[in-house]
Amino acid sequence: MCEYPDPPAQRSLTPHFSDPVGTVANCFLDDGHGHQLDVCGENTVVDARLIADTLFKSSAVETPVTIHFDLYPNFVNHTAFMLTFVDPVPVSAEGTARTLSTANAVAELKVRKTTGKKSTFVSVGQYYMSLSMTVTT
């Protein structure tokens, strides 16, 4: 049995979608599993996967960053949402720790849409977002 602590401590984050690049038509986006993402405000995300391709390369000063996430603990590979930073995010290193940090960067939010057996990510919009995260090996 696998349980998340209360409040969730690992693989969780709190994205703020309060600063869109353009206008937002609808503030709530369904994940297809009965949960809604608030694309006009703050959310608690209890399942997040960070993809930062060059984060632990010794010469890395920046890395592309994508965050796949769900609004509930999900132990399969198909997350409902994907947040991709348009430009690489700066990286700093201290020992085995790597810190990603950027302010007011543009990130694109996508939602997974499934038709039959085929699923694809569809763009919802872009948001100005800050990111500060330390990852250790």
Foldseek 3Di string as FASTA:
>chain_A
DDDADVVGDPQKDKWFLQFFPDDAPDQWDDLVPPDTDGNNTIAIFRHKDWDWPCQQPPPAQWTWIKIATARDDDDDDDGFKMKTFPDTFGWDDDVQKIKTWDFQTKIWMWGWDDDDHDIDTDTRGIGGTIDIDMDGD
